[in-house]
Structures are given as C-alpha cells and as structure tokens.
Amino acid sequence: MAAAAAIAASKGNGGGGGRAGAGEASSSRRKKGPGPLTTAYLVIYNVVMTAGWLVIAVGLVRAYLAKGSYHSLYYSIEKPLKFFQTGALLEILHCAIGIVPSSVVLTSIQVMSRVFLIWAVTHSVKEVQSEDSVLLFVIAWTITEIIRYSFYTFSLLNHLPYLIKWARYTLFIVLYPMGVSGELLTIYAALPFVRQAGLYSISLPNKYNFSFDYYAFLILIMISYIPLFPQLYFHMIHQRRKILSHTEEHKKFE
C-alpha cells in the first residue's frame, strides 16, 4: 500500500509535486514547462520538503548516537515525520490544479497510503511505535524522499547532477523492498491490538445498518501487496534501464 509510492521513481515531468511524478521531462504530456511563478513555488516546496526529510535523517542519527541503540528511535522523529509526510498531501493539489501533469488518482493513492500508515496504524496503535519494523520503513522513506525531492528541485532548475539521477533510479532496488518489509511487519504487529480494542470497527446492530471490520481491512491491505509489489518493482527496474542507458548514450554524443 504505502510502498506504492515508490513508483514515483518511474514517472513524472519536472513539476516537483506529484508522487506519481514531478521530476522528469515528459514532452508527450506537456511540451511547455511551468511558468516562472509556478516554478518558483515548486522549487520552494521541494527545497522545504528536502530540508524536512534531512531534519528527520539528522534526528535519527543524533538519537542513535545519544542512545547507542536503534530501538525506539521513532519517538525522536515522530513530529517532523508526521508533519512532512502529511505535507505531501499538497502534491495531490498540485496535480488537481494542473501545475504538475500527473494522475490525480494515482498520486492520491500513493500519498494517502503513506499518510494512512503514519496516522491510522503507527499513530493509532501506540504499541507498534517501538517495533523495529517502523524504523525500517522510516529509514527507507527518509532516504527515498531526500533523493526524490532533490531530484525534483534540480530538475526544475535545469541542473540535474548525474549522481542524484543515478541514486533515484538505483537505490530503490534496496530501499523499496526494505520499505515494503517495514510496512508489512508494522501492520502485522498492529493486528492483535486492533482486534483486541476493536479499533475503528463498527459493529451491528446500529441505526445505519452498516458494519466495518478494521482488522479485516488491514489484512486485505497486506494481501494487496502480493500483486502490487512485483509489478511495480519490475516496472521500475525497466524504467531504470531505459533512463540510465539513455543518459549514457547522450554522454557519448557529447
């Protein structure tokens, strides 16, 4: 679910907002780039988001050095993590108003999946916050987002270093499975507490004649990873070959 955000590494066009893509040039979708005011706004947005995820990274390192242990590091970066991950909701707005030529539906799914994991699982089930699996997806997200927002920023400025481009299309090979593992293990760890407390569940009878089992809903989310992960992962591998090989060919002609 939240791992679907990793498909951002394979699409986009330089707007810097949409998770389904706001960084790479895409002449087939939009021949003219954003105007100067829009570009300025998107650069500022991406710089702020890059800085935010750098704050999270520094917070993790400082907490680890202070404690001498990687256990329960989540508490040291909980507030900035919630703030900047929730701030990604603006990317849906960017797509909706057209300043980023990405799918509103796909971007919404990708952004909301992470927001869901942060608020409806990790925040709502306090018992999982000390799980090592939370640190696993937080580290994967942090590295991914620092690279992603840096990529968008430099792309908007028409000055993209090859190292950042290479990192964006290479490090996901490790970070994507790492993030997926952390997400799944965190949801799995939350299941017994959700079931015991009846969290977010609605039982019959009620005046709306409607029932909802949040425990079963979380299980369905976990099952959805089975078809999604291989499809997205190998699609991204294909995109990596295409984009980096194109870059190498371009260098040869220079």
Protein backbone atom coordinates (compact mmCIF):
# COMPACT_ATOMS: atom_id res chain seq x y z
CA MET A 1 0.00 0.00 0.00
CA ALA A 2 2.30 2.77 1.19
CA ALA A 3 5.00 1.09 -0.82
CA ALA A 4 3.17 2.06 -3.99
CA ALA A 5 4.72 5.48 -3.55
CA ALA A 6 7.94 4.02 -4.83
CA ILE A 7 6.52 4.05 -8.36
CA ALA A 8 7.30 7.74 -8.23
CA ALA A 9 10.76 6.74 -9.36
CA SER A 10 9.42 5.83 -12.76
CA LYS A 11 7.08 8.62 -13.84
CA GLY A 12 6.77 12.35 -13.86
CA ASN A 13 7.75 15.50 -15.53
CA GLY A 14 9.51 18.22 -13.62
CA GLY A 15 6.70 19.79 -11.65
CA GLY A 16 8.05 18.62 -8.34
CA GLY A 17 4.72 17.97 -6.69
CA GLY A 18 3.05 14.71 -7.69
CA ARG A 19 4.25 11.48 -6.21
CA ALA A 20 3.49 9.77 -9.48
CA GLY A 21 5.97 12.14 -10.92
CA ALA A 22 7.09 15.66 -10.77
CA GLY A 23 10.70 15.43 -11.67
CA GLU A 24 11.48 14.08 -15.12
CA ALA A 25 10.90 15.70 -18.50
CA SER A 26 7.91 14.36 -20.36
CA SER A 27 7.33 16.12 -23.65
CA SER A 28 4.49 13.78 -24.53
CA ARG A 29 2.41 15.09 -21.63
CA ARG A 30 3.42 18.74 -21.56
CA LYS A 31 5.67 20.46 -24.03
CA LYS A 32 5.96 23.70 -22.11
CA GLY A 33 7.20 23.69 -18.57
CA PRO A 34 5.52 25.54 -15.70
CA GLY A 35 5.60 29.34 -15.69
CA PRO A 36 8.13 31.29 -13.63
CA LEU A 37 5.85 31.80 -10.61
CA THR A 38 4.79 28.16 -10.61
CA THR A 39 8.38 27.05 -10.99
CA ALA A 40 9.44 29.28 -8.10
CA TYR A 41 6.69 27.85 -5.89
CA LEU A 42 7.56 24.26 -6.79
CA VAL A 43 11.26 24.86 -6.18
CA ILE A 44 10.46 26.31 -2.74
CA TYR A 45 8.13 23.40 -1.97
CA ASN A 46 10.72 20.81 -2.93
CA VAL A 47 13.54 22.59 -1.08
CA VAL A 48 11.40 22.71 2.07
CA MET A 49 10.48 19.03 1.74
CA THR A 50 14.11 18.08 1.13
CA ALA A 51 15.13 20.04 4.22
CA GLY A 52 12.33 18.42 6.22
CA TRP A 53 13.43 14.90 5.42
CA LEU A 54 17.04 15.90 6.12
CA VAL A 55 15.86 17.03 9.58
CA ILE A 56 14.35 13.58 10.06
CA ALA A 57 17.59 11.91 8.94
CA VAL A 58 19.70 14.04 11.28
CA GLY A 59 17.23 13.38 14.10
CA LEU A 60 17.59 9.63 13.63
CA VAL A 61 21.39 9.82 13.65
CA ARG A 62 21.52 12.07 16.71
CA ALA A 63 19.09 9.87 18.64
CA TYR A 64 21.09 6.78 17.75
CA LEU A 65 24.37 8.36 18.87
CA ALA A 66 22.77 9.56 22.12
CA LYS A 67 21.13 6.25 22.96
CA GLY A 68 23.69 3.90 21.48
CA SER A 69 20.81 1.76 20.22
CA TYR A 70 18.50 1.75 17.22
CA HIS A 71 15.50 0.59 19.25
CA SER A 72 12.57 3.01 19.61
CA LEU A 73 14.16 5.77 17.54
CA TYR A 74 10.71 6.57 16.15
CA TYR A 75 9.92 8.78 19.14
CA SER A 76 12.83 11.09 18.32
CA ILE A 77 11.45 11.98 14.88
CA GLU A 78 7.71 11.38 15.33
CA LYS A 79 6.62 15.03 15.00
CA PRO A 80 8.65 16.01 11.91
CA LEU A 81 7.81 12.68 10.28
CA LYS A 82 4.08 13.28 10.71
CA PHE A 83 4.38 16.91 9.59
CA PHE A 84 6.38 16.39 6.41
CA GLN A 85 4.68 13.17 5.34
CA THR A 86 1.29 14.82 5.81
CA GLY A 87 2.65 17.84 3.91
CA ALA A 88 2.88 15.59 0.87
CA LEU A 89 -0.91 15.96 0.59
CA LEU A 90 -0.15 19.17 -1.28
CA GLU A 91 1.11 17.00 -4.12
CA ILE A 92 -2.47 15.89 -4.75
CA LEU A 93 -3.47 19.55 -5.04
CA HIS A 94 -0.57 20.18 -7.44
CA CYS A 95 -1.95 17.51 -9.75
CA ALA A 96 -5.56 18.62 -9.34
CA ILE A 97 -4.88 22.23 -10.39
CA GLY A 98 -2.59 21.16 -13.22
CA ILE A 99 0.78 22.57 -12.17
CA VAL A 100 2.11 19.01 -12.18
CA PRO A 101 1.00 16.78 -15.09
CA SER A 102 0.44 13.61 -13.09
CA SER A 103 -2.60 11.47 -12.40
CA VAL A 104 -4.66 12.84 -9.50
CA VAL A 105 -5.99 9.36 -8.75
CA LEU A 106 -2.60 7.63 -8.74
CA THR A 107 -0.96 10.43 -6.77
CA SER A 108 -3.81 10.37 -4.24
CA ILE A 109 -3.44 6.63 -3.70
CA GLN A 110 0.30 6.91 -3.30
CA VAL A 111 0.25 9.86 -0.89
CA MET A 112 -2.74 8.69 1.13
CA SER A 113 -1.26 5.22 1.58
CA ARG A 114 1.71 6.66 3.45
CA VAL A 115 -0.44 9.10 5.41
CA PHE A 116 -2.66 6.14 6.32
CA LEU A 117 0.29 4.13 7.61
CA ILE A 118 1.54 7.05 9.67
CA TRP A 119 -1.78 8.09 11.23
CA ALA A 120 -4.18 5.12 11.05
CA VAL A 121 -1.60 2.49 12.00
CA THR A 122 1.55 3.84 13.65
CA HIS A 123 -0.09 6.78 15.43
CA SER A 124 -3.31 4.97 16.33
CA VAL A 125 -1.69 1.77 17.61
CA LYS A 126 0.85 3.08 20.13
CA GLU A 127 2.16 -0.41 20.84
CA VAL A 128 3.81 -0.70 17.41
CA GLN A 129 5.79 2.54 17.69
CA SER A 130 8.66 0.75 19.42
CA GLU A 131 8.79 -2.00 16.79
CA ASP A 132 11.98 -2.21 14.73
CA SER A 133 9.82 -2.53 11.62
CA VAL A 134 8.76 1.12 12.00
CA LEU A 135 12.39 2.20 11.87
CA LEU A 136 12.82 0.03 8.78
CA PHE A 137 10.24 1.88 6.70
CA VAL A 138 11.16 5.27 8.18
CA ILE A 139 14.78 4.89 7.07
CA ALA A 140 13.69 3.70 3.61
CA TRP A 141 11.25 6.60 3.24
CA THR A 142 13.76 9.15 4.51
CA ILE A 143 16.50 8.25 2.06
CA THR A 144 13.98 7.94 -0.78
CA GLU A 145 12.41 11.34 -0.13
CA ILE A 146 15.69 13.21 0.26
CA ILE A 147 16.74 11.89 -3.14
CA ARG A 148 13.30 12.39 -4.72
CA TYR A 149 12.79 16.00 -3.67
CA SER A 150 16.42 16.85 -4.51
CA PHE A 151 15.83 15.33 -7.95
CA TYR A 152 12.73 17.47 -8.48
CA THR A 153 14.47 20.64 -7.28
CA PHE A 154 17.47 20.28 -9.58
CA SER A 155 15.23 19.21 -12.48
CA LEU A 156 13.17 22.37 -12.11
CA LEU A 157 16.38 24.39 -12.12
CA ASN A 158 17.54 22.52 -15.25
CA HIS A 159 20.71 21.48 -13.49
CA LEU A 160 20.39 17.83 -12.51
CA PRO A 161 23.61 16.19 -11.27
CA TYR A 162 24.09 12.69 -12.63
CA LEU A 163 24.73 11.34 -9.12
CA ILE A 164 21.24 12.33 -7.97
CA LYS A 165 19.68 10.90 -11.11
CA TRP A 166 21.63 7.67 -10.65
CA ALA A 167 20.63 7.46 -6.97
CA ARG A 168 16.96 8.00 -7.80
CA TYR A 169 16.95 5.18 -10.31
CA THR A 170 19.23 2.81 -8.43
CA LEU A 171 18.80 2.93 -4.65
CA PHE A 172 15.15 1.89 -4.89
CA ILE A 173 16.48 -1.61 -5.67
CA VAL A 174 17.25 -1.90 -1.95
CA LEU A 175 15.00 0.79 -0.45
CA TYR A 176 11.74 -0.41 -2.00
CA PRO A 177 11.90 -3.98 -0.56
CA MET A 178 13.16 -2.50 2.71
CA GLY A 179 10.22 -0.12 2.94
CA VAL A 180 7.69 -2.77 1.96
CA SER A 181 9.05 -5.14 4.60
CA GLY A 182 8.82 -2.47 7.28
CA GLU A 183 5.29 -1.51 6.29
CA LEU A 184 4.01 -5.09 6.23
CA LEU A 185 5.67 -6.01 9.51
CA THR A 186 4.26 -2.90 11.18
CA ILE A 187 0.72 -3.60 10.01
CA TYR A 188 1.12 -7.24 11.10
CA ALA A 189 2.33 -6.14 14.54
CA ALA A 190 -0.71 -3.86 14.88
CA LEU A 191 -3.27 -6.58 14.11
CA PRO A 192 -3.67 -8.14 17.60
CA PHE A 193 -4.05 -4.71 19.23
CA VAL A 194 -6.57 -3.61 16.61
CA ARG A 195 -8.58 -6.77 17.16
CA GLN A 196 -8.46 -6.53 20.94
CA ALA A 197 -9.55 -2.89 21.04
CA GLY A 198 -11.96 -3.08 18.10
CA LEU A 199 -10.17 -0.04 16.73
CA TYR A 200 -12.11 1.88 14.05
CA SER A 201 -14.53 -1.04 13.71
CA ILE A 202 -18.30 -0.64 13.52
CA SER A 203 -20.49 -3.46 14.75
CA LEU A 204 -24.10 -4.35 14.07
CA PRO A 205 -26.75 -3.55 15.06
CA ASN A 206 -26.65 0.20 14.55
CA LYS A 207 -29.03 2.78 13.10
CA TYR A 208 -27.12 2.85 9.80
CA ASN A 209 -27.25 -0.93 9.40
CA PHE A 210 -23.58 -0.84 8.46
CA SER A 211 -20.58 -2.73 9.77
CA PHE A 212 -16.86 -2.34 9.26
CA ASP A 213 -14.03 -4.55 10.48
CA TYR A 214 -10.78 -2.60 10.57
CA TYR A 215 -8.86 -5.77 11.46
CA ALA A 216 -10.03 -7.48 8.25
CA PHE A 217 -9.39 -4.26 6.32
CA LEU A 218 -5.73 -4.26 7.39
CA ILE A 219 -5.38 -7.90 6.34
CA LEU A 220 -6.77 -7.01 2.90
CA ILE A 221 -4.23 -4.21 2.64
CA MET A 222 -1.43 -6.67 3.41
CA ILE A 223 -2.71 -9.09 0.79
CA SER A 224 -2.80 -6.27 -1.79
CA TYR A 225 0.99 -6.07 -1.60
CA ILE A 226 1.29 -9.51 -3.20
CA PRO A 227 0.23 -8.45 -6.73
CA LEU A 228 1.41 -4.84 -6.42
CA PHE A 229 4.98 -5.23 -5.25
CA PRO A 230 6.37 -7.39 -8.12
CA GLN A 231 4.52 -5.36 -10.74
CA LEU A 232 5.79 -2.00 -9.52
CA TYR A 233 9.29 -3.25 -8.70
CA PHE A 234 9.98 -4.76 -12.11
CA HIS A 235 8.39 -1.77 -13.84
CA MET A 236 10.87 0.43 -12.00
CA ILE A 237 13.74 -1.86 -12.98
CA HIS A 238 12.67 -1.45 -16.62
CA GLN A 239 12.48 2.32 -16.22
CA ARG A 240 15.96 2.37 -14.69
CA ARG A 241 17.47 0.56 -17.66
CA LYS A 242 15.73 2.84 -20.13
CA ILE A 243 16.55 6.15 -18.45
CA LEU A 244 20.11 5.46 -17.36
CA SER A 245 21.03 3.82 -20.67
CA HIS A 246 19.60 6.88 -22.45
CA THR A 247 21.78 9.09 -20.24
CA GLU A 248 24.88 7.05 -21.07
CA GLU A 249 24.13 7.27 -24.79
CA HIS A 250 23.64 11.03 -24.51
CA LYS A 251 27.03 11.36 -22.81
CA LYS A 252 28.71 9.50 -25.65
CA PHE A 253 27.42 12.01 -28.19
CA GLU A 254 28.60 14.99 -26.15
